[in-house]
Structures are given as C-alpha cells and as structure tokens.
Amino acid sequence: MQTIQAIVNPRLLTKASRLFTGTLQGRIIEILQNARRAGARHISIINRDGSVIVNDNGLGIEDFSKLLDLGSSGWQQTFEQSEDPAGVGVFCLAPRKVTIRSKGRKATISGDGWTGAPVSVTADPSARRGTSLEFEDDPWTMAEVQPNAVFTGLEVTVDGESCQQACFLTDKACHHPEL
C-alpha cells in the first residue's frame, strides 16, 4: 500500500496572496481548470445529499503524491509557461473530506491528512477513465458553475443540465500566423 503526505513547495509562497480565496467560486474555478489541463472534454457535477461529485474524462492522475504537494503543479512545461498554474489542486477543497478516484486507485483526504499525516492510496475496484472527486460542500448550482464554465471549452453539466458554452474570441478576432 502506498501512502502520500502533504508538503508545501516554496514557489507557492510567491503566489499565496492570489490563491487562497476560500470561496465557492474559487473552488469551482480550480477544479474546472485542473480537469481541462488534464485533457478532459466533459465534466459532470452532481449534487447529492450535501455532497458534490465531480467526474471528468481527462487523463487521470498518474502520481497521487502530487495531490498533496502544495505548490508543485506537476503540469507539463507548456502549461507552466502559458498558464502559470499555482499547484493548488485539491487543496482548494481543504479542510473538507474528499475522496479522489482515478486509474484504479483512490485516496480519501481529511483532517490532518491536509497538514502532513500519511494518506493511504488503495486499489479502487470502480476503475474509470478520468478523475472523480467527492466532497461535502454547498451545492454547485448552475448559477454558480455557469459563469466559470462558459469559456472553458468543456462540456460541463450540473445535475444533468448542460452549461452554455461561448467562444472566447469573437468573429472580429484576427489570426496572425507570423506571431
């Protein structure tokens, strides 16, 4: 059995003032960004009995230890340069109890698991493509998710209802191949 532990990457300290908003909107944005960066095309958000379940069809999690490595994004260099990811990841859900499932493995982080106690990564018989997060939170309603999903380029559903999508660029945009 593998265990993982929380650590703080020094590069995070330079971004701290803009990262930890603790807001519902901040959590939604972080989770949508992570799914998009993992190559997801579809994200399903389900509200059930005080819990939120977020499923995506991205590449999944290769290294579960990165989940608790605060500030180390683990993203490819192209994402590091173009998007400057902070590496907040599932820490945006702290101190909630969250169960993460991906690639036939799962981990449940809660309590002192957020601050350094070992967290077990075990086999998950419900292996699936992408990543699934389940955690207690206020409902992620269409009114909360839609403004943050509209320009993601992802098909996002909330309790089975599709969020609207819009192109980030208007028809007035010009292509400049020389750039």
N, C-alpha and C. Protein backbone atom coordinates (compact mmCIF):
# COMPACT_ATOMS: atom_id res chain seq x y z
N MET A 1 0.84 -1.18 0.00
CA MET A 1 0.00 0.00 0.00
C MET A 1 0.89 1.24 0.00
N GLN A 2 0.54 2.19 -0.84
CA GLN A 2 1.24 3.46 -0.94
C GLN A 2 0.62 4.45 0.04
N THR A 3 1.44 5.35 0.57
CA THR A 3 0.91 6.49 1.33
C THR A 3 1.47 7.76 0.72
N ILE A 4 0.74 8.85 0.88
CA ILE A 4 1.17 10.15 0.39
C ILE A 4 1.07 11.13 1.54
N GLN A 5 1.84 12.24 1.49
CA GLN A 5 1.84 13.23 2.57
C GLN A 5 1.85 14.63 2.01
N ALA A 6 1.25 15.57 2.75
CA ALA A 6 1.20 16.97 2.35
C ALA A 6 2.57 17.63 2.54
N ILE A 7 2.99 18.41 1.54
CA ILE A 7 4.18 19.24 1.63
C ILE A 7 3.87 20.58 0.96
N VAL A 8 4.63 21.61 1.28
CA VAL A 8 4.44 22.90 0.65
C VAL A 8 5.67 23.21 -0.18
N ASN A 9 5.45 23.48 -1.45
CA ASN A 9 6.52 23.81 -2.36
C ASN A 9 6.85 25.29 -2.20
N PRO A 10 8.13 25.68 -2.07
CA PRO A 10 8.49 27.08 -1.84
C PRO A 10 7.97 28.05 -2.90
N ARG A 11 7.80 27.60 -4.15
CA ARG A 11 7.34 28.52 -5.20
C ARG A 11 5.92 29.00 -4.93
N LEU A 12 5.17 28.28 -4.11
CA LEU A 12 3.80 28.68 -3.80
C LEU A 12 3.77 29.98 -3.01
N LEU A 13 4.75 30.21 -2.18
CA LEU A 13 4.73 31.40 -1.34
C LEU A 13 4.67 32.69 -2.14
N THR A 14 5.22 32.69 -3.35
CA THR A 14 5.17 33.89 -4.18
C THR A 14 3.79 34.13 -4.77
N LYS A 15 2.88 33.13 -4.69
CA LYS A 15 1.55 33.25 -5.28
C LYS A 15 0.45 33.24 -4.22
N ALA A 16 0.79 33.15 -2.97
CA ALA A 16 -0.19 32.94 -1.90
C ALA A 16 -1.28 34.00 -1.85
N SER A 17 -0.94 35.25 -2.10
CA SER A 17 -1.94 36.31 -1.94
C SER A 17 -3.07 36.23 -2.95
N ARG A 18 -2.87 35.55 -4.09
CA ARG A 18 -3.92 35.45 -5.09
C ARG A 18 -4.58 34.08 -5.16
N LEU A 19 -4.16 33.16 -4.33
CA LEU A 19 -4.64 31.80 -4.47
C LEU A 19 -5.73 31.37 -3.50
N PHE A 20 -5.56 31.65 -2.25
CA PHE A 20 -6.43 31.06 -1.25
C PHE A 20 -7.59 31.98 -0.89
N THR A 21 -8.59 31.99 -1.76
CA THR A 21 -9.75 32.83 -1.53
C THR A 21 -10.75 32.15 -0.62
N GLY A 22 -10.76 30.82 -0.61
CA GLY A 22 -11.69 30.08 0.24
C GLY A 22 -13.13 30.20 -0.21
N THR A 23 -13.37 30.71 -1.40
CA THR A 23 -14.73 30.91 -1.87
C THR A 23 -15.22 29.72 -2.68
N LEU A 24 -16.52 29.59 -2.77
CA LEU A 24 -17.11 28.55 -3.62
C LEU A 24 -16.66 28.76 -5.06
N GLN A 25 -16.68 30.00 -5.52
CA GLN A 25 -16.23 30.30 -6.88
C GLN A 25 -14.78 29.88 -7.08
N GLY A 26 -13.92 30.14 -6.11
CA GLY A 26 -12.52 29.73 -6.22
C GLY A 26 -12.37 28.23 -6.34
N ARG A 27 -13.17 27.47 -5.59
CA ARG A 27 -13.11 26.01 -5.67
C ARG A 27 -13.57 25.53 -7.04
N ILE A 28 -14.65 26.11 -7.54
CA ILE A 28 -15.17 25.72 -8.85
C ILE A 28 -14.13 25.98 -9.93
N ILE A 29 -13.55 27.17 -9.93
CA ILE A 29 -12.55 27.54 -10.93
C ILE A 29 -11.37 26.58 -10.90
N GLU A 30 -10.85 26.29 -9.71
CA GLU A 30 -9.68 25.42 -9.59
C GLU A 30 -9.96 24.02 -10.12
N ILE A 31 -11.11 23.46 -9.76
CA ILE A 31 -11.45 22.11 -10.20
C ILE A 31 -11.68 22.06 -11.71
N LEU A 32 -12.36 23.06 -12.28
CA LEU A 32 -12.56 23.10 -13.73
C LEU A 32 -11.22 23.23 -14.46
N GLN A 33 -10.33 24.10 -13.96
CA GLN A 33 -9.02 24.27 -14.59
C GLN A 33 -8.22 22.98 -14.56
N ASN A 34 -8.23 22.30 -13.42
CA ASN A 34 -7.46 21.06 -13.32
C ASN A 34 -7.95 20.01 -14.31
N ALA A 35 -9.27 19.90 -14.45
CA ALA A 35 -9.82 18.93 -15.39
C ALA A 35 -9.44 19.29 -16.83
N ARG A 36 -9.54 20.57 -17.17
CA ARG A 36 -9.18 20.99 -18.52
C ARG A 36 -7.71 20.73 -18.80
N ARG A 37 -6.86 21.06 -17.84
CA ARG A 37 -5.42 20.84 -18.02
C ARG A 37 -5.07 19.36 -18.14
N ALA A 38 -5.93 18.51 -17.59
CA ALA A 38 -5.71 17.05 -17.68
C ALA A 38 -6.31 16.48 -18.97
N GLY A 39 -6.76 17.36 -19.85
CA GLY A 39 -7.26 16.91 -21.15
C GLY A 39 -8.72 16.51 -21.17
N ALA A 40 -9.46 16.82 -20.12
CA ALA A 40 -10.89 16.46 -20.09
C ALA A 40 -11.64 17.25 -21.15
N ARG A 41 -12.67 16.64 -21.67
CA ARG A 41 -13.58 17.31 -22.59
C ARG A 41 -14.97 17.45 -21.96
N HIS A 42 -15.24 16.61 -20.95
CA HIS A 42 -16.53 16.64 -20.29
C HIS A 42 -16.34 16.59 -18.77
N ILE A 43 -17.11 17.41 -18.08
CA ILE A 43 -17.12 17.41 -16.61
C ILE A 43 -18.58 17.32 -16.18
N SER A 44 -18.85 16.37 -15.32
CA SER A 44 -20.18 16.19 -14.77
C SER A 44 -20.14 16.54 -13.29
N ILE A 45 -21.03 17.45 -12.89
CA ILE A 45 -21.13 17.86 -11.49
C ILE A 45 -22.49 17.41 -10.98
N ILE A 46 -22.46 16.65 -9.89
CA ILE A 46 -23.69 16.11 -9.32
C ILE A 46 -23.75 16.53 -7.86
N ASN A 47 -24.87 17.10 -7.46
CA ASN A 47 -25.11 17.47 -6.07
C ASN A 47 -26.00 16.39 -5.47
N ARG A 48 -25.54 15.78 -4.36
CA ARG A 48 -26.30 14.69 -3.76
C ARG A 48 -26.12 14.69 -2.25
N ASP A 49 -27.20 14.90 -1.51
CA ASP A 49 -27.21 14.75 -0.05
C ASP A 49 -26.08 15.50 0.65
N GLY A 50 -25.86 16.76 0.29
CA GLY A 50 -24.82 17.57 0.93
C GLY A 50 -23.43 17.34 0.39
N SER A 51 -23.30 16.50 -0.62
CA SER A 51 -22.01 16.24 -1.25
C SER A 51 -22.03 16.71 -2.70
N VAL A 52 -20.84 17.01 -3.20
CA VAL A 52 -20.66 17.34 -4.60
C VAL A 52 -19.76 16.26 -5.19
N ILE A 53 -20.16 15.74 -6.34
CA ILE A 53 -19.37 14.76 -7.07
C ILE A 53 -18.99 15.37 -8.40
N VAL A 54 -17.70 15.44 -8.68
CA VAL A 54 -17.20 15.99 -9.93
C VAL A 54 -16.46 14.87 -10.66
N ASN A 55 -16.96 14.52 -11.84
CA ASN A 55 -16.34 13.50 -12.68
C ASN A 55 -15.84 14.15 -13.95
N ASP A 56 -14.62 13.81 -14.36
CA ASP A 56 -14.12 14.29 -15.65
C ASP A 56 -13.59 13.12 -16.45
N ASN A 57 -13.41 13.32 -17.75
CA ASN A 57 -12.90 12.26 -18.62
C ASN A 57 -11.48 12.58 -19.10
N GLY A 58 -10.71 13.24 -18.25
CA GLY A 58 -9.33 13.58 -18.60
C GLY A 58 -8.40 12.38 -18.50
N LEU A 59 -7.11 12.66 -18.48
CA LEU A 59 -6.08 11.63 -18.47
C LEU A 59 -5.97 10.89 -17.15
N GLY A 60 -6.52 11.46 -16.10
CA GLY A 60 -6.42 10.81 -14.80
C GLY A 60 -5.14 11.22 -14.07
N ILE A 61 -4.99 10.66 -12.88
CA ILE A 61 -3.87 11.03 -12.01
C ILE A 61 -2.81 9.93 -12.06
N GLU A 62 -1.64 10.28 -12.55
CA GLU A 62 -0.52 9.33 -12.60
C GLU A 62 0.10 9.17 -11.22
N ASP A 63 0.38 10.28 -10.57
CA ASP A 63 1.12 10.28 -9.32
C ASP A 63 0.27 10.90 -8.21
N PHE A 64 -0.34 10.06 -7.39
CA PHE A 64 -1.21 10.54 -6.33
C PHE A 64 -0.46 11.41 -5.32
N SER A 65 0.85 11.27 -5.20
CA SER A 65 1.59 12.10 -4.25
C SER A 65 1.52 13.57 -4.63
N LYS A 66 1.31 13.89 -5.91
CA LYS A 66 1.19 15.28 -6.36
C LYS A 66 -0.06 15.94 -5.79
N LEU A 67 -1.07 15.14 -5.41
CA LEU A 67 -2.30 15.70 -4.85
C LEU A 67 -2.03 16.51 -3.59
N LEU A 68 -1.04 16.09 -2.81
CA LEU A 68 -0.75 16.74 -1.54
C LEU A 68 0.58 17.48 -1.54
N ASP A 69 1.10 17.76 -2.73
CA ASP A 69 2.33 18.53 -2.86
C ASP A 69 1.92 19.95 -3.22
N LEU A 70 1.59 20.73 -2.21
CA LEU A 70 1.05 22.08 -2.41
C LEU A 70 2.09 22.97 -3.07
N GLY A 71 1.73 23.50 -4.23
CA GLY A 71 2.60 24.42 -4.96
C GLY A 71 3.37 23.78 -6.09
N SER A 72 3.42 22.47 -6.14
CA SER A 72 4.08 21.79 -7.24
C SER A 72 3.00 21.29 -8.18
N SER A 73 2.82 21.97 -9.31
CA SER A 73 1.66 21.69 -10.15
C SER A 73 1.75 20.34 -10.85
N GLY A 74 2.92 19.90 -11.20
CA GLY A 74 3.04 18.64 -11.91
C GLY A 74 2.59 18.72 -13.36
N TRP A 75 2.30 19.92 -13.85
CA TRP A 75 1.84 20.07 -15.22
C TRP A 75 3.02 20.09 -16.17
N GLN A 76 2.75 19.80 -17.44
CA GLN A 76 3.78 19.85 -18.47
C GLN A 76 4.33 21.26 -18.58
N GLN A 77 5.54 21.37 -19.08
CA GLN A 77 6.21 22.66 -19.19
C GLN A 77 5.40 23.66 -20.01
N THR A 78 4.68 23.18 -21.05
CA THR A 78 3.89 24.10 -21.87
C THR A 78 2.80 24.77 -21.03
N PHE A 79 2.16 24.02 -20.12
CA PHE A 79 1.16 24.62 -19.23
C PHE A 79 1.82 25.56 -18.23
N GLU A 80 2.98 25.18 -17.73
CA GLU A 80 3.69 26.03 -16.78
C GLU A 80 3.97 27.40 -17.40
N GLN A 81 4.38 27.42 -18.66
CA GLN A 81 4.73 28.67 -19.30
C GLN A 81 3.50 29.47 -19.72
N SER A 82 2.48 28.80 -20.25
CA SER A 82 1.33 29.53 -20.80
C SER A 82 0.30 29.91 -19.75
N GLU A 83 0.15 29.11 -18.69
CA GLU A 83 -0.94 29.34 -17.75
C GLU A 83 -0.49 29.64 -16.33
N ASP A 84 0.77 29.42 -16.04
CA ASP A 84 1.28 29.68 -14.69
C ASP A 84 0.43 29.03 -13.60
N PRO A 85 0.21 27.69 -13.70
CA PRO A 85 -0.62 27.04 -12.69
C PRO A 85 0.04 27.11 -11.33
N ALA A 86 -0.79 27.33 -10.32
CA ALA A 86 -0.26 27.52 -8.97
C ALA A 86 0.02 26.20 -8.26
N GLY A 87 -0.63 25.14 -8.67
CA GLY A 87 -0.44 23.88 -7.97
C GLY A 87 -1.29 23.77 -6.72
N VAL A 88 -2.41 24.51 -6.67
CA VAL A 88 -3.30 24.42 -5.52
C VAL A 88 -4.08 23.12 -5.56
N GLY A 89 -4.58 22.74 -6.72
CA GLY A 89 -5.27 21.47 -6.90
C GLY A 89 -6.33 21.21 -5.86
N VAL A 90 -6.32 19.98 -5.32
CA VAL A 90 -7.36 19.60 -4.36
C VAL A 90 -7.24 20.35 -3.03
N PHE A 91 -6.14 21.06 -2.80
CA PHE A 91 -6.05 21.87 -1.57
C PHE A 91 -7.15 22.93 -1.54
N CYS A 92 -7.72 23.27 -2.68
CA CYS A 92 -8.83 24.23 -2.69
C CYS A 92 -10.04 23.66 -1.96
N LEU A 93 -10.05 22.35 -1.72
CA LEU A 93 -11.17 21.70 -1.02
C LEU A 93 -10.90 21.51 0.47
N ALA A 94 -9.69 21.82 0.92
CA ALA A 94 -9.36 21.67 2.35
C ALA A 94 -10.22 22.62 3.16
N PRO A 95 -10.61 22.26 4.33
CA PRO A 95 -10.31 21.05 5.10
C PRO A 95 -11.36 19.96 4.95
N ARG A 96 -12.15 20.02 3.88
CA ARG A 96 -13.20 19.03 3.67
C ARG A 96 -12.65 17.63 3.50
N LYS A 97 -13.47 16.65 3.80
CA LYS A 97 -13.14 15.26 3.47
C LYS A 97 -13.41 15.09 1.98
N VAL A 98 -12.40 14.64 1.24
CA VAL A 98 -12.55 14.45 -0.20
C VAL A 98 -12.01 13.08 -0.58
N THR A 99 -12.77 12.37 -1.39
CA THR A 99 -12.33 11.09 -1.94
C THR A 99 -12.03 11.29 -3.41
N ILE A 100 -10.81 10.91 -3.81
CA ILE A 100 -10.36 11.05 -5.19
C ILE A 100 -10.18 9.66 -5.77
N ARG A 101 -10.77 9.44 -6.94
CA ARG A 101 -10.65 8.16 -7.64
C ARG A 101 -10.07 8.42 -9.03
N SER A 102 -9.09 7.62 -9.41
CA SER A 102 -8.50 7.76 -10.73
C SER A 102 -7.63 6.55 -11.05
N LYS A 103 -7.74 6.06 -12.25
CA LYS A 103 -6.89 4.98 -12.75
C LYS A 103 -6.82 3.78 -11.82
N GLY A 104 -7.96 3.37 -11.27
CA GLY A 104 -8.00 2.18 -10.44
C GLY A 104 -7.45 2.35 -9.04
N ARG A 105 -7.28 3.62 -8.62
CA ARG A 105 -6.81 3.91 -7.27
C ARG A 105 -7.71 4.95 -6.64
N LYS A 106 -7.67 5.01 -5.29
CA LYS A 106 -8.43 6.05 -4.60
C LYS A 106 -7.72 6.45 -3.32
N ALA A 107 -7.98 7.68 -2.92
CA ALA A 107 -7.46 8.21 -1.66
C ALA A 107 -8.53 9.10 -1.06
N THR A 108 -8.65 9.05 0.26
CA THR A 108 -9.56 9.93 0.97
C THR A 108 -8.72 10.81 1.88
N ILE A 109 -8.81 12.12 1.66
CA ILE A 109 -8.05 13.09 2.44
C ILE A 109 -9.01 13.81 3.37
N SER A 110 -8.66 13.86 4.63
CA SER A 110 -9.47 14.60 5.61
C SER A 110 -8.59 14.94 6.80
N GLY A 111 -9.12 15.78 7.68
CA GLY A 111 -8.44 16.10 8.93
C GLY A 111 -6.97 16.43 8.76
N ASP A 112 -6.13 15.72 9.52
CA ASP A 112 -4.70 16.02 9.49
C ASP A 112 -3.99 15.50 8.24
N GLY A 113 -4.72 14.83 7.36
CA GLY A 113 -4.15 14.45 6.05
C GLY A 113 -3.81 15.69 5.23
N TRP A 114 -4.53 16.79 5.48
CA TRP A 114 -4.25 18.04 4.79
C TRP A 114 -2.98 18.72 5.29
N THR A 115 -2.51 18.34 6.47
CA THR A 115 -1.37 19.04 7.05
C THR A 115 -0.15 18.16 7.28
N GLY A 116 -0.14 16.99 6.68
CA GLY A 116 1.08 16.19 6.72
C GLY A 116 0.96 14.76 7.17
N ALA A 117 -0.16 14.35 7.76
CA ALA A 117 -0.31 12.94 8.15
C ALA A 117 -0.42 12.08 6.89
N PRO A 118 0.11 10.87 6.93
CA PRO A 118 0.03 9.99 5.76
C PRO A 118 -1.42 9.70 5.37
N VAL A 119 -1.65 9.64 4.06
CA VAL A 119 -2.96 9.31 3.48
C VAL A 119 -2.76 8.09 2.60
N SER A 120 -3.54 7.07 2.83
CA SER A 120 -3.40 5.83 2.07
C SER A 120 -4.00 5.96 0.67
N VAL A 121 -3.29 5.38 -0.28
CA VAL A 121 -3.79 5.24 -1.65
C VAL A 121 -4.03 3.75 -1.84
N THR A 122 -5.26 3.39 -2.12
CA THR A 122 -5.64 1.98 -2.22
C THR A 122 -6.22 1.67 -3.60
N ALA A 123 -6.37 0.38 -3.87
CA ALA A 123 -6.99 -0.05 -5.12
C ALA A 123 -8.46 0.35 -5.10
N ASP A 124 -8.96 0.72 -6.26
CA ASP A 124 -10.36 1.10 -6.41
C ASP A 124 -10.99 0.19 -7.45
N PRO A 125 -11.88 -0.69 -7.02
CA PRO A 125 -12.49 -1.61 -7.97
C PRO A 125 -13.37 -0.92 -9.01
N SER A 126 -13.76 0.32 -8.76
CA SER A 126 -14.60 1.03 -9.73
C SER A 126 -13.73 1.86 -10.68
N ALA A 127 -12.72 1.21 -11.27
CA ALA A 127 -11.81 1.91 -12.17
C ALA A 127 -12.59 2.56 -13.30
N ARG A 128 -12.19 3.78 -13.64
CA ARG A 128 -12.88 4.54 -14.67
C ARG A 128 -11.87 5.45 -15.36
N ARG A 129 -12.27 5.99 -16.50
CA ARG A 129 -11.43 6.97 -17.19
C ARG A 129 -11.55 8.31 -16.47
N GLY A 130 -10.47 9.05 -16.40
CA GLY A 130 -10.50 10.38 -15.80
C GLY A 130 -10.38 10.35 -14.30
N THR A 131 -10.97 11.34 -13.68
CA THR A 131 -10.87 11.52 -12.24
C THR A 131 -12.24 11.82 -11.67
N SER A 132 -12.48 11.32 -10.46
CA SER A 132 -13.71 11.59 -9.74
C SER A 132 -13.36 12.15 -8.37
N LEU A 133 -14.01 13.24 -8.00
CA LEU A 133 -13.85 13.85 -6.67
C LEU A 133 -15.21 13.84 -6.00
N GLU A 134 -15.25 13.45 -4.72
CA GLU A 134 -16.49 13.54 -3.96
C GLU A 134 -16.17 14.19 -2.62
N PHE A 135 -16.93 15.24 -2.28
CA PHE A 135 -16.64 16.01 -1.08
C PHE A 135 -17.90 16.73 -0.61
N GLU A 136 -17.93 17.07 0.68
CA GLU A 136 -19.03 17.85 1.22
C GLU A 136 -18.80 19.32 0.88
N ASP A 137 -19.87 19.98 0.43
CA ASP A 137 -19.76 21.40 0.09
C ASP A 137 -21.17 21.95 -0.10
N ASP A 138 -21.26 23.28 -0.19
CA ASP A 138 -22.50 23.90 -0.62
C ASP A 138 -22.78 23.41 -2.03
N PRO A 139 -24.03 23.37 -2.44
CA PRO A 139 -24.33 22.90 -3.80
C PRO A 139 -23.60 23.73 -4.87
N TRP A 140 -23.09 23.04 -5.86
CA TRP A 140 -22.51 23.69 -7.02
C TRP A 140 -23.63 23.82 -8.04
N THR A 141 -24.43 24.85 -7.93
CA THR A 141 -25.60 25.03 -8.77
C THR A 141 -25.21 25.57 -10.15
N MET A 142 -26.15 25.51 -11.07
CA MET A 142 -25.93 26.06 -12.40
C MET A 142 -25.56 27.55 -12.30
N ALA A 143 -26.23 28.28 -11.41
CA ALA A 143 -25.94 29.71 -11.25
C ALA A 143 -24.51 29.95 -10.81
N GLU A 144 -23.93 29.05 -10.01
CA GLU A 144 -22.55 29.19 -9.54
C GLU A 144 -21.54 28.70 -10.58
N VAL A 145 -21.86 27.61 -11.26
CA VAL A 145 -20.90 26.98 -12.18
C VAL A 145 -20.86 27.67 -13.54
N GLN A 146 -22.02 28.00 -14.09
CA GLN A 146 -22.13 28.54 -15.45
C GLN A 146 -21.15 29.69 -15.74
N PRO A 147 -21.07 30.73 -14.91
CA PRO A 147 -20.15 31.84 -15.23
C PRO A 147 -18.69 31.42 -15.29
N ASN A 148 -18.35 30.33 -14.62
CA ASN A 148 -16.96 29.86 -14.60
C ASN A 148 -16.69 28.80 -15.66
N ALA A 149 -17.74 28.25 -16.26
CA ALA A 149 -17.59 27.19 -17.25
C ALA A 149 -17.74 27.68 -18.68
N VAL A 150 -18.33 28.85 -18.87
CA VAL A 150 -18.73 29.31 -20.20
C VAL A 150 -17.58 29.38 -21.21
N PHE A 151 -16.40 29.77 -20.79
CA PHE A 151 -15.28 29.92 -21.71
C PHE A 151 -14.23 28.81 -21.60
N THR A 152 -14.53 27.73 -20.88
CA THR A 152 -13.53 26.68 -20.68
C THR A 152 -13.30 25.81 -21.91
N GLY A 153 -14.27 25.80 -22.83
CA GLY A 153 -14.15 24.90 -23.97
C GLY A 153 -14.57 23.48 -23.61
N LEU A 154 -15.10 23.30 -22.40
CA LEU A 154 -15.51 21.98 -21.93
C LEU A 154 -17.02 21.85 -21.93
N GLU A 155 -17.49 20.63 -22.11
CA GLU A 155 -18.90 20.34 -21.91
C GLU A 155 -19.06 20.10 -20.41
N VAL A 156 -19.74 21.01 -19.73
CA VAL A 156 -19.93 20.91 -18.29
C VAL A 156 -21.41 20.75 -18.02
N THR A 157 -21.75 19.73 -17.23
CA THR A 157 -23.14 19.54 -16.84
C THR A 157 -23.24 19.65 -15.32
N VAL A 158 -24.35 20.22 -14.88
CA VAL A 158 -24.66 20.34 -13.46
C VAL A 158 -25.99 19.63 -13.25
N ASP A 159 -25.94 18.55 -12.49
CA ASP A 159 -27.14 17.75 -12.24
C ASP A 159 -27.87 17.43 -13.55
N GLY A 160 -27.11 17.08 -14.58
CA GLY A 160 -27.66 16.66 -15.87
C GLY A 160 -27.98 17.78 -16.84
N GLU A 161 -27.91 19.03 -16.42
CA GLU A 161 -28.21 20.17 -17.28
C GLU A 161 -26.90 20.76 -17.82
N SER A 162 -26.84 20.96 -19.12
CA SER A 162 -25.61 21.46 -19.75
C SER A 162 -25.43 22.95 -19.55
N CYS A 163 -24.21 23.34 -19.21
CA CYS A 163 -23.85 24.75 -19.14
C CYS A 163 -23.70 25.28 -20.56
N GLN A 164 -23.99 26.55 -20.73
CA GLN A 164 -23.78 27.19 -22.02
C GLN A 164 -22.29 27.31 -22.27
N GLN A 165 -21.93 27.26 -23.53
CA GLN A 165 -20.55 27.46 -23.93
C GLN A 165 -20.48 28.69 -24.83
N ALA A 166 -19.38 29.39 -24.77
CA ALA A 166 -19.16 30.52 -25.66
C ALA A 166 -17.71 30.50 -26.11
N CYS A 167 -17.50 30.94 -27.30
CA CYS A 167 -16.15 31.05 -27.83
C CYS A 167 -15.47 32.23 -27.13
N PHE A 168 -14.25 32.04 -26.73
CA PHE A 168 -13.52 33.11 -26.05
C PHE A 168 -13.26 34.29 -26.98
N LEU A 169 -13.11 34.01 -28.28
CA LEU A 169 -12.84 35.05 -29.26
C LEU A 169 -14.10 35.37 -30.05
N THR A 170 -14.25 36.61 -30.45
CA THR A 170 -15.38 37.00 -31.28
C THR A 170 -15.01 36.80 -32.75
N ASP A 171 -15.99 37.01 -33.62
CA ASP A 171 -15.71 36.89 -35.06
C ASP A 171 -14.86 38.06 -35.56
N LYS A 172 -14.60 39.03 -34.71
CA LYS A 172 -13.75 40.17 -35.08
C LYS A 172 -12.27 39.88 -34.82
N ALA A 173 -11.96 38.73 -34.22
CA ALA A 173 -10.57 38.38 -33.94
C ALA A 173 -9.84 38.11 -35.24
N CYS A 174 -8.57 38.46 -35.29
CA CYS A 174 -7.74 38.26 -36.47
C CYS A 174 -6.64 37.25 -36.17
N HIS A 175 -6.40 36.36 -37.11
CA HIS A 175 -5.34 35.39 -36.97
C HIS A 175 -4.04 36.01 -37.48
N HIS A 176 -2.97 35.91 -36.71
CA HIS A 176 -1.66 36.45 -37.10
C HIS A 176 -0.63 35.32 -37.05
N PRO A 177 -0.53 34.54 -38.14
CA PRO A 177 0.39 33.41 -38.13
C PRO A 177 1.85 33.81 -37.93
N GLU A 178 2.20 35.05 -38.29
CA GLU A 178 3.58 35.49 -38.11
C GLU A 178 3.96 35.62 -36.64
N LEU A 179 2.98 35.67 -35.75
CA LEU A 179 3.28 35.78 -34.33
C LEU A 179 3.50 34.41 -33.75
